[in-house]
All heavy atoms as atom14 arrays in JSON, in Angstrom:
{
  "sequence": "DAEILIFDEPFRGLDAKTVDWFRGYLTQLKQ",
  "atom14_mask": [
    [1, 1, 1, 1, 1, 1, 1, 1, 0, 0, 0, 0, 0, 0],
    [1, 1, 1, 1, 1, 0, 0, 0, 0, 0, 0, 0, 0, 0],
    [1, 1, 1, 1, 1, 1, 1, 1, 1, 0, 0, 0, 0, 0],
    [1, 1, 1, 1, 1, 1, 1, 1, 0, 0, 0, 0, 0, 0],
    [1, 1, 1, 1, 1, 1, 1, 1, 0, 0, 0, 0, 0, 0],
    [1, 1, 1, 1, 1, 1, 1, 1, 0, 0, 0, 0, 0, 0],
    [1, 1, 1, 1, 1, 1, 1, 1, 1, 1, 1, 0, 0, 0],
    [1, 1, 1, 1, 1, 1, 1, 1, 0, 0, 0, 0, 0, 0],
    [1, 1, 1, 1, 1, 1, 1, 1, 1, 0, 0, 0, 0, 0],
    [1, 1, 1, 1, 1, 1, 1, 0, 0, 0, 0, 0, 0, 0],
    [1, 1, 1, 1, 1, 1, 1, 1, 1, 1, 1, 0, 0, 0],
    [1, 1, 1, 1, 1, 1, 1, 1, 1, 1, 1, 0, 0, 0],
    [1, 1, 1, 1, 0, 0, 0, 0, 0, 0, 0, 0, 0, 0],
    [1, 1, 1, 1, 1, 1, 1, 1, 0, 0, 0, 0, 0, 0],
    [1, 1, 1, 1, 1, 1, 1, 1, 0, 0, 0, 0, 0, 0],
    [1, 1, 1, 1, 1, 0, 0, 0, 0, 0, 0, 0, 0, 0],
    [1, 1, 1, 1, 1, 1, 1, 1, 1, 0, 0, 0, 0, 0],
    [1, 1, 1, 1, 1, 1, 1, 0, 0, 0, 0, 0, 0, 0],
    [1, 1, 1, 1, 1, 1, 1, 0, 0, 0, 0, 0, 0, 0],
    [1, 1, 1, 1, 1, 1, 1, 1, 0, 0, 0, 0, 0, 0],
    [1, 1, 1, 1, 1, 1, 1, 1, 1, 1, 1, 1, 1, 1],
    [1, 1, 1, 1, 1, 1, 1, 1, 1, 1, 1, 0, 0, 0],
    [1, 1, 1, 1, 1, 1, 1, 1, 1, 1, 1, 0, 0, 0],
    [1, 1, 1, 1, 0, 0, 0, 0, 0, 0, 0, 0, 0, 0],
    [1, 1, 1, 1, 1, 1, 1, 1, 1, 1, 1, 1, 0, 0],
    [1, 1, 1, 1, 1, 1, 1, 1, 0, 0, 0, 0, 0, 0],
    [1, 1, 1, 1, 1, 1, 1, 0, 0, 0, 0, 0, 0, 0],
    [1, 1, 1, 1, 1, 1, 1, 1, 1, 0, 0, 0, 0, 0],
    [1, 1, 1, 1, 1, 1, 1, 1, 0, 0, 0, 0, 0, 0],
    [1, 1, 1, 1, 1, 1, 1, 1, 1, 0, 0, 0, 0, 0],
    [1, 1, 1, 1, 1, 1, 1, 1, 1, 0, 0, 0, 0, 0]
  ],
  "atom14_positions": [
    [[109.58, 104.87, 90.89], [108.22, 104.72, 90.38], [108.17, 103.69, 89.25], [107.58, 103.91, 88.19], [107.71, 106.08, 89.88], [106.19, 106.18, 89.94], [105.58, 105.46, 90.73], [105.62, 106.97, 89.16], [0.0, 0.0, 0.0], [0.0, 0.0, 0.0], [0.0, 0.0, 0.0], [0.0, 0.0, 0.0], [0.0, 0.0, 0.0], [0.0, 0.0, 0.0]],
    [[108.79, 102.54, 89.49], [108.97, 101.52, 88.46], [107.67, 100.87, 88.03], [106.71, 100.78, 88.82], [109.94, 100.44, 88.96], [0.0, 0.0, 0.0], [0.0, 0.0, 0.0], [0.0, 0.0, 0.0], [0.0, 0.0, 0.0], [0.0, 0.0, 0.0], [0.0, 0.0, 0.0], [0.0, 0.0, 0.0], [0.0, 0.0, 0.0], [0.0, 0.0, 0.0]],
    [[107.64, 100.41, 86.78], [106.48, 99.71, 86.25], [106.45, 98.25, 86.68], [105.39, 97.63, 86.72], [106.49, 99.79, 84.72], [106.29, 101.19, 84.16], [104.92, 101.75, 84.48], [103.95, 100.98, 84.46], [104.83, 102.95, 84.77], [0.0, 0.0, 0.0], [0.0, 0.0, 0.0], [0.0, 0.0, 0.0], [0.0, 0.0, 0.0], [0.0, 0.0, 0.0]],
    [[107.63, 97.69, 86.97], [107.74, 96.3, 87.43], [108.45, 96.32, 88.78], [109.49, 96.95, 88.94], [108.53, 95.43, 86.44], [107.77, 95.3, 85.12], [108.82, 94.05, 87.03], [108.55, 94.59, 84.03], [0.0, 0.0, 0.0], [0.0, 0.0, 0.0], [0.0, 0.0, 0.0], [0.0, 0.0, 0.0], [0.0, 0.0, 0.0], [0.0, 0.0, 0.0]],
    [[107.86, 95.63, 89.75], [108.44, 95.57, 91.09], [108.62, 94.11, 91.49], [107.69, 93.3, 91.39], [107.52, 96.27, 92.1], [107.41, 97.79, 91.89], [106.18, 98.33, 92.6], [108.66, 98.48, 92.36], [0.0, 0.0, 0.0], [0.0, 0.0, 0.0], [0.0, 0.0, 0.0], [0.0, 0.0, 0.0], [0.0, 0.0, 0.0], [0.0, 0.0, 0.0]],
    [[109.84, 93.77, 91.94], [110.18, 92.4, 92.29], [110.7, 92.4, 93.73], [111.68, 93.09, 94.04], [111.23, 91.82, 91.34], [110.69, 91.81, 89.9], [111.65, 90.43, 91.77], [111.71, 91.41, 88.86], [0.0, 0.0, 0.0], [0.0, 0.0, 0.0], [0.0, 0.0, 0.0], [0.0, 0.0, 0.0], [0.0, 0.0, 0.0], [0.0, 0.0, 0.0]],
    [[110.04, 91.64, 94.59], [110.38, 91.64, 96.01], [110.62, 90.21, 96.49], [109.73, 89.38, 96.42], [109.26, 92.26, 96.83], [108.96, 93.69, 96.48], [107.83, 94.01, 95.75], [109.81, 94.71, 96.88], [107.54, 95.32, 95.43], [109.54, 96.03, 96.55], [108.4, 96.34, 95.83], [0.0, 0.0, 0.0], [0.0, 0.0, 0.0], [0.0, 0.0, 0.0]],
    [[111.81, 89.97, 97.0], [112.19, 88.67, 97.54], [112.21, 88.78, 99.06], [113.08, 89.43, 99.63], [113.58, 88.29, 97.01], [114.02, 86.91, 97.44], [113.15, 86.09, 97.79], [115.24, 86.64, 97.42], [0.0, 0.0, 0.0], [0.0, 0.0, 0.0], [0.0, 0.0, 0.0], [0.0, 0.0, 0.0], [0.0, 0.0, 0.0], [0.0, 0.0, 0.0]],
    [[111.23, 88.18, 99.73], [111.09, 88.23, 101.19], [111.14, 89.67, 101.71], [111.93, 90.0, 102.61], [112.18, 87.39, 101.86], [112.14, 85.92, 101.53], [110.95, 85.19, 102.15], [110.29, 85.78, 103.03], [110.68, 84.06, 101.75], [0.0, 0.0, 0.0], [0.0, 0.0, 0.0], [0.0, 0.0, 0.0], [0.0, 0.0, 0.0], [0.0, 0.0, 0.0]],
    [[110.32, 90.58, 101.18], [110.44, 91.99, 101.56], [109.97, 92.31, 102.97], [110.34, 93.35, 103.53], [109.54, 92.69, 100.54], [108.49, 91.67, 100.22], [109.22, 90.35, 100.23], [0.0, 0.0, 0.0], [0.0, 0.0, 0.0], [0.0, 0.0, 0.0], [0.0, 0.0, 0.0], [0.0, 0.0, 0.0], [0.0, 0.0, 0.0], [0.0, 0.0, 0.0]],
    [[109.15, 91.45, 103.57], [108.59, 91.76, 104.89], [109.47, 91.31, 106.04], [109.22, 91.68, 107.19], [107.21, 91.11, 105.03], [106.22, 91.59, 104.01], [105.91, 90.82, 102.91], [105.61, 92.82, 104.16], [105.0, 91.27, 101.97], [104.7, 93.29, 103.22], [104.4, 92.5, 102.12], [0.0, 0.0, 0.0], [0.0, 0.0, 0.0], [0.0, 0.0, 0.0]],
    [[110.48, 90.52, 105.75], [111.34, 89.99, 106.8], [112.07, 91.13, 107.51], [112.73, 91.95, 106.89], [112.35, 89.01, 106.21], [113.23, 88.32, 107.24], [114.15, 87.31, 106.57], [113.4, 86.19, 106.03], [113.89, 85.35, 105.13], [115.11, 85.52, 104.65], [113.16, 84.33, 104.7], [0.0, 0.0, 0.0], [0.0, 0.0, 0.0], [0.0, 0.0, 0.0]],
    [[111.93, 91.19, 108.83], [112.61, 92.21, 109.6], [111.83, 93.49, 109.79], [112.27, 94.39, 110.51], [0.0, 0.0, 0.0], [0.0, 0.0, 0.0], [0.0, 0.0, 0.0], [0.0, 0.0, 0.0], [0.0, 0.0, 0.0], [0.0, 0.0, 0.0], [0.0, 0.0, 0.0], [0.0, 0.0, 0.0], [0.0, 0.0, 0.0], [0.0, 0.0, 0.0]],
    [[110.67, 93.61, 109.15], [109.87, 94.83, 109.27], [108.91, 94.75, 110.45], [108.39, 93.68, 110.77], [109.06, 95.07, 107.99], [109.84, 95.41, 106.72], [108.87, 95.56, 105.55], [110.66, 96.68, 106.89], [0.0, 0.0, 0.0], [0.0, 0.0, 0.0], [0.0, 0.0, 0.0], [0.0, 0.0, 0.0], [0.0, 0.0, 0.0], [0.0, 0.0, 0.0]],
    [[108.64, 95.88, 111.08], [107.66, 95.92, 112.14], [106.25, 95.86, 111.56], [106.05, 96.1, 110.36], [107.82, 97.2, 112.96], [107.68, 98.45, 112.12], [108.7, 98.9, 111.56], [106.56, 98.96, 111.99], [0.0, 0.0, 0.0], [0.0, 0.0, 0.0], [0.0, 0.0, 0.0], [0.0, 0.0, 0.0], [0.0, 0.0, 0.0], [0.0, 0.0, 0.0]],
    [[105.28, 95.54, 112.4], [103.9, 95.32, 111.93], [103.33, 96.57, 111.25], [102.61, 96.45, 110.25], [103.02, 94.91, 113.1], [0.0, 0.0, 0.0], [0.0, 0.0, 0.0], [0.0, 0.0, 0.0], [0.0, 0.0, 0.0], [0.0, 0.0, 0.0], [0.0, 0.0, 0.0], [0.0, 0.0, 0.0], [0.0, 0.0, 0.0], [0.0, 0.0, 0.0]],
    [[103.64, 97.75, 111.77], [103.13, 98.98, 111.17], [103.63, 99.16, 109.76], [102.86, 99.53, 108.85], [103.53, 100.18, 112.04], [103.01, 101.51, 111.53], [103.44, 102.64, 112.44], [102.96, 103.99, 111.89], [103.39, 105.11, 112.77], [0.0, 0.0, 0.0], [0.0, 0.0, 0.0], [0.0, 0.0, 0.0], [0.0, 0.0, 0.0], [0.0, 0.0, 0.0]],
    [[104.91, 98.9, 109.53], [105.49, 99.05, 108.19], [104.94, 97.98, 107.25], [104.7, 98.25, 106.07], [107.02, 98.97, 108.25], [107.51, 99.95, 109.17], [107.63, 99.23, 106.88], [0.0, 0.0, 0.0], [0.0, 0.0, 0.0], [0.0, 0.0, 0.0], [0.0, 0.0, 0.0], [0.0, 0.0, 0.0], [0.0, 0.0, 0.0], [0.0, 0.0, 0.0]],
    [[104.74, 96.77, 107.76], [104.15, 95.7, 106.94], [102.78, 96.11, 106.44], [102.46, 95.97, 105.25], [104.07, 94.38, 107.74], [103.2, 93.36, 107.0], [105.46, 93.81, 107.98], [0.0, 0.0, 0.0], [0.0, 0.0, 0.0], [0.0, 0.0, 0.0], [0.0, 0.0, 0.0], [0.0, 0.0, 0.0], [0.0, 0.0, 0.0], [0.0, 0.0, 0.0]],
    [[101.95, 96.66, 107.33], [100.6, 97.11, 106.92], [100.69, 98.22, 105.88], [99.94, 98.22, 104.89], [99.83, 97.61, 108.14], [99.39, 96.47, 109.05], [99.38, 95.32, 108.59], [99.06, 96.75, 110.23], [0.0, 0.0, 0.0], [0.0, 0.0, 0.0], [0.0, 0.0, 0.0], [0.0, 0.0, 0.0], [0.0, 0.0, 0.0], [0.0, 0.0, 0.0]],
    [[101.61, 99.18, 106.1], [101.78, 100.27, 105.14], [102.2, 99.72, 103.78], [101.65, 100.11, 102.74], [102.83, 101.27, 105.64], [103.11, 102.35, 104.62], [102.44, 103.53, 104.46], [104.12, 102.31, 103.6], [102.97, 104.23, 103.4], [104.0, 103.51, 102.85], [105.11, 101.38, 103.24], [104.83, 103.81, 101.77], [105.93, 101.68, 102.16], [105.81, 102.87, 101.44]],
    [[103.16, 98.82, 103.79], [103.72, 98.3, 102.54], [102.69, 97.49, 101.77], [102.59, 97.6, 100.54], [104.95, 97.46, 102.86], [105.73, 97.03, 101.64], [105.97, 97.9, 100.6], [106.23, 95.74, 101.55], [106.69, 97.51, 99.48], [106.94, 95.33, 100.44], [107.18, 96.21, 99.41], [0.0, 0.0, 0.0], [0.0, 0.0, 0.0], [0.0, 0.0, 0.0]],
    [[101.91, 96.67, 102.47], [100.86, 95.91, 101.8], [99.87, 96.86, 101.11], [99.48, 96.66, 99.96], [100.12, 95.03, 102.8], [100.88, 93.81, 103.26], [100.09, 93.08, 104.33], [100.76, 91.88, 104.8], [100.4, 91.2, 105.87], [99.36, 91.62, 106.61], [101.04, 90.11, 106.24], [0.0, 0.0, 0.0], [0.0, 0.0, 0.0], [0.0, 0.0, 0.0]],
    [[99.46, 97.9, 101.84], [98.53, 98.87, 101.26], [99.13, 99.61, 100.08], [98.45, 99.85, 99.07], [0.0, 0.0, 0.0], [0.0, 0.0, 0.0], [0.0, 0.0, 0.0], [0.0, 0.0, 0.0], [0.0, 0.0, 0.0], [0.0, 0.0, 0.0], [0.0, 0.0, 0.0], [0.0, 0.0, 0.0], [0.0, 0.0, 0.0], [0.0, 0.0, 0.0]],
    [[100.41, 99.96, 100.18], [101.08, 100.68, 99.1], [101.17, 99.82, 97.84], [100.92, 100.29, 96.72], [102.47, 101.12, 99.55], [103.13, 102.11, 98.62], [102.71, 103.44, 98.58], [104.16, 101.71, 97.78], [103.31, 104.35, 97.72], [104.77, 102.61, 96.92], [104.34, 103.93, 96.9], [104.93, 104.82, 96.04], [0.0, 0.0, 0.0], [0.0, 0.0, 0.0]],
    [[101.51, 98.55, 98.02], [101.59, 97.65, 96.87], [100.23, 97.45, 96.22], [100.12, 97.34, 94.99], [102.18, 96.3, 97.28], [103.67, 96.29, 97.64], [104.13, 94.86, 97.91], [104.51, 96.9, 96.53], [0.0, 0.0, 0.0], [0.0, 0.0, 0.0], [0.0, 0.0, 0.0], [0.0, 0.0, 0.0], [0.0, 0.0, 0.0], [0.0, 0.0, 0.0]],
    [[99.19, 97.39, 97.03], [97.83, 97.27, 96.48], [97.5, 98.48, 95.61], [96.92, 98.33, 94.52], [96.81, 97.12, 97.61], [97.1, 95.95, 98.38], [95.4, 97.0, 97.05], [0.0, 0.0, 0.0], [0.0, 0.0, 0.0], [0.0, 0.0, 0.0], [0.0, 0.0, 0.0], [0.0, 0.0, 0.0], [0.0, 0.0, 0.0], [0.0, 0.0, 0.0]],
    [[97.88, 99.67, 96.06], [97.67, 100.88, 95.26], [98.44, 100.81, 93.94], [97.91, 101.16, 92.88], [98.11, 102.11, 96.04], [97.26, 102.46, 97.24], [97.82, 103.65, 98.0], [98.41, 104.55, 97.41], [97.64, 103.66, 99.3], [0.0, 0.0, 0.0], [0.0, 0.0, 0.0], [0.0, 0.0, 0.0], [0.0, 0.0, 0.0], [0.0, 0.0, 0.0]],
    [[99.69, 100.36, 94.01], [100.51, 100.27, 92.79], [99.92, 99.27, 91.81], [99.93, 99.5, 90.59], [101.94, 99.88, 93.17], [102.74, 100.92, 93.95], [104.13, 100.39, 94.28], [102.86, 102.23, 93.17], [0.0, 0.0, 0.0], [0.0, 0.0, 0.0], [0.0, 0.0, 0.0], [0.0, 0.0, 0.0], [0.0, 0.0, 0.0], [0.0, 0.0, 0.0]],
    [[99.41, 98.16, 92.33], [98.78, 97.17, 91.45], [97.57, 97.78, 90.74], [97.38, 97.57, 89.54], [98.37, 95.94, 92.27], [97.73, 94.84, 91.45], [97.44, 93.61, 92.3], [96.38, 93.87, 93.34], [95.96, 92.63, 94.04], [0.0, 0.0, 0.0], [0.0, 0.0, 0.0], [0.0, 0.0, 0.0], [0.0, 0.0, 0.0], [0.0, 0.0, 0.0]],
    [[96.78, 98.55, 91.47], [95.61, 99.19, 90.88], [96.0, 100.23, 89.82], [95.21, 100.54, 88.94], [94.78, 99.83, 91.99], [94.11, 98.83, 92.91], [93.51, 99.46, 94.16], [93.77, 100.63, 94.47], [92.72, 98.69, 94.9], [0.0, 0.0, 0.0], [0.0, 0.0, 0.0], [0.0, 0.0, 0.0], [0.0, 0.0, 0.0], [0.0, 0.0, 0.0]]
  ]
}
């Protein structure tokens, strides 16, 4: 539950469903 998140090419190798989940999750964390 870190305050700072650093991702280097995090979507590479992920399926489309996980990419959508991860984008939404990061948006929540930003908020």
